[in-house]
């Protein structure tokens, strides 16, 4: 898969994205919430070129393929 295909796949799964260079920001589905659904305030950073992700709030990180079952 190339970068455009990966970005389109991320857009389909997470909806709104913010793209900056090789990074894409989405709402982190892994952050704990207070019973209010996905926390839209914090972002999950995905490096499309390296195919890794990192959330600075909940400290989740890993390879991109683990977000797509």
Protein backbone atom coordinates (compact mmCIF):
# COMPACT_ATOMS: atom_id res chain seq x y z
CA UNK A 1 0.00 0.00 0.00
CA UNK A 2 1.21 3.49 -0.75
CA UNK A 3 0.77 6.60 1.42
CA UNK A 4 -2.38 7.78 -0.38
CA UNK A 5 -4.09 4.40 0.04
CA UNK A 6 -3.16 4.28 3.74
CA UNK A 7 -4.44 7.84 4.27
CA UNK A 8 -7.74 6.94 2.56
CA UNK A 9 -8.07 3.85 4.76
CA UNK A 10 -7.48 5.97 7.89
CA UNK A 11 -10.08 8.50 6.67
CA UNK A 12 -12.66 5.73 6.17
CA UNK A 13 -12.10 4.32 9.66
CA UNK A 14 -11.76 7.53 11.71
CA UNK A 15 -13.66 10.16 9.69
CA UNK A 16 -12.17 13.62 10.00
CA UNK A 17 -8.40 13.76 9.77
CA UNK A 18 -5.80 16.50 9.88
CA UNK A 19 -2.85 15.86 7.58
CA UNK A 20 0.54 17.49 8.09
CA UNK A 21 3.36 16.08 5.97
CA UNK A 22 3.73 12.35 6.66
CA UNK A 23 1.59 12.59 9.80
CA UNK A 24 -2.16 12.28 10.16
CA UNK A 25 -4.05 13.31 13.31
CA UNK A 26 -7.33 11.68 14.32
CA UNK A 27 -9.42 11.49 17.49
CA UNK A 28 -7.85 8.78 19.63
CA UNK A 29 -10.24 5.82 20.01
CA UNK A 30 -7.93 4.33 22.65
CA UNK A 31 -8.05 7.20 25.18
CA UNK A 32 -10.11 6.45 28.28
CA UNK A 33 -13.27 8.53 28.51
CA UNK A 34 -15.66 9.46 31.26
CA UNK A 35 -18.58 7.57 29.73
CA UNK A 36 -18.99 10.09 26.92
CA UNK A 37 -17.74 8.06 23.94
CA UNK A 38 -14.54 8.83 22.07
CA UNK A 39 -12.60 11.74 23.52
CA UNK A 40 -12.48 14.28 20.68
CA UNK A 41 -10.12 16.64 22.49
CA UNK A 42 -7.01 14.50 22.21
CA UNK A 43 -5.37 13.30 19.03
CA UNK A 44 -3.76 10.11 17.87
CA UNK A 45 -0.76 10.87 15.68
CA UNK A 46 -0.19 8.42 12.83
CA UNK A 47 3.02 8.50 10.80
CA UNK A 48 1.95 7.15 7.42
CA UNK A 49 5.50 6.74 6.07
CA UNK A 50 6.69 4.71 9.08
CA UNK A 51 3.27 3.09 9.66
CA UNK A 52 3.28 3.72 13.41
CA UNK A 53 0.96 5.61 15.78
CA UNK A 54 1.34 7.43 19.09
CA UNK A 55 -1.05 9.16 21.50
CA UNK A 56 0.56 11.55 23.95
CA UNK A 57 -2.40 11.42 26.36
CA UNK A 58 -3.00 7.70 26.89
CA UNK A 59 0.52 6.69 25.83
CA UNK A 60 -0.80 4.18 23.28
CA UNK A 61 1.65 3.41 20.53
CA UNK A 62 2.27 0.70 18.03
CA UNK A 63 2.15 -0.30 14.40
CA UNK A 64 -0.64 0.96 12.19
CA UNK A 65 -1.89 -2.53 11.30
CA UNK A 66 -2.95 -3.11 14.93
CA UNK A 67 -5.63 -0.39 14.57
CA UNK A 68 -7.24 -2.30 11.71
CA UNK A 69 -8.50 -5.77 12.69
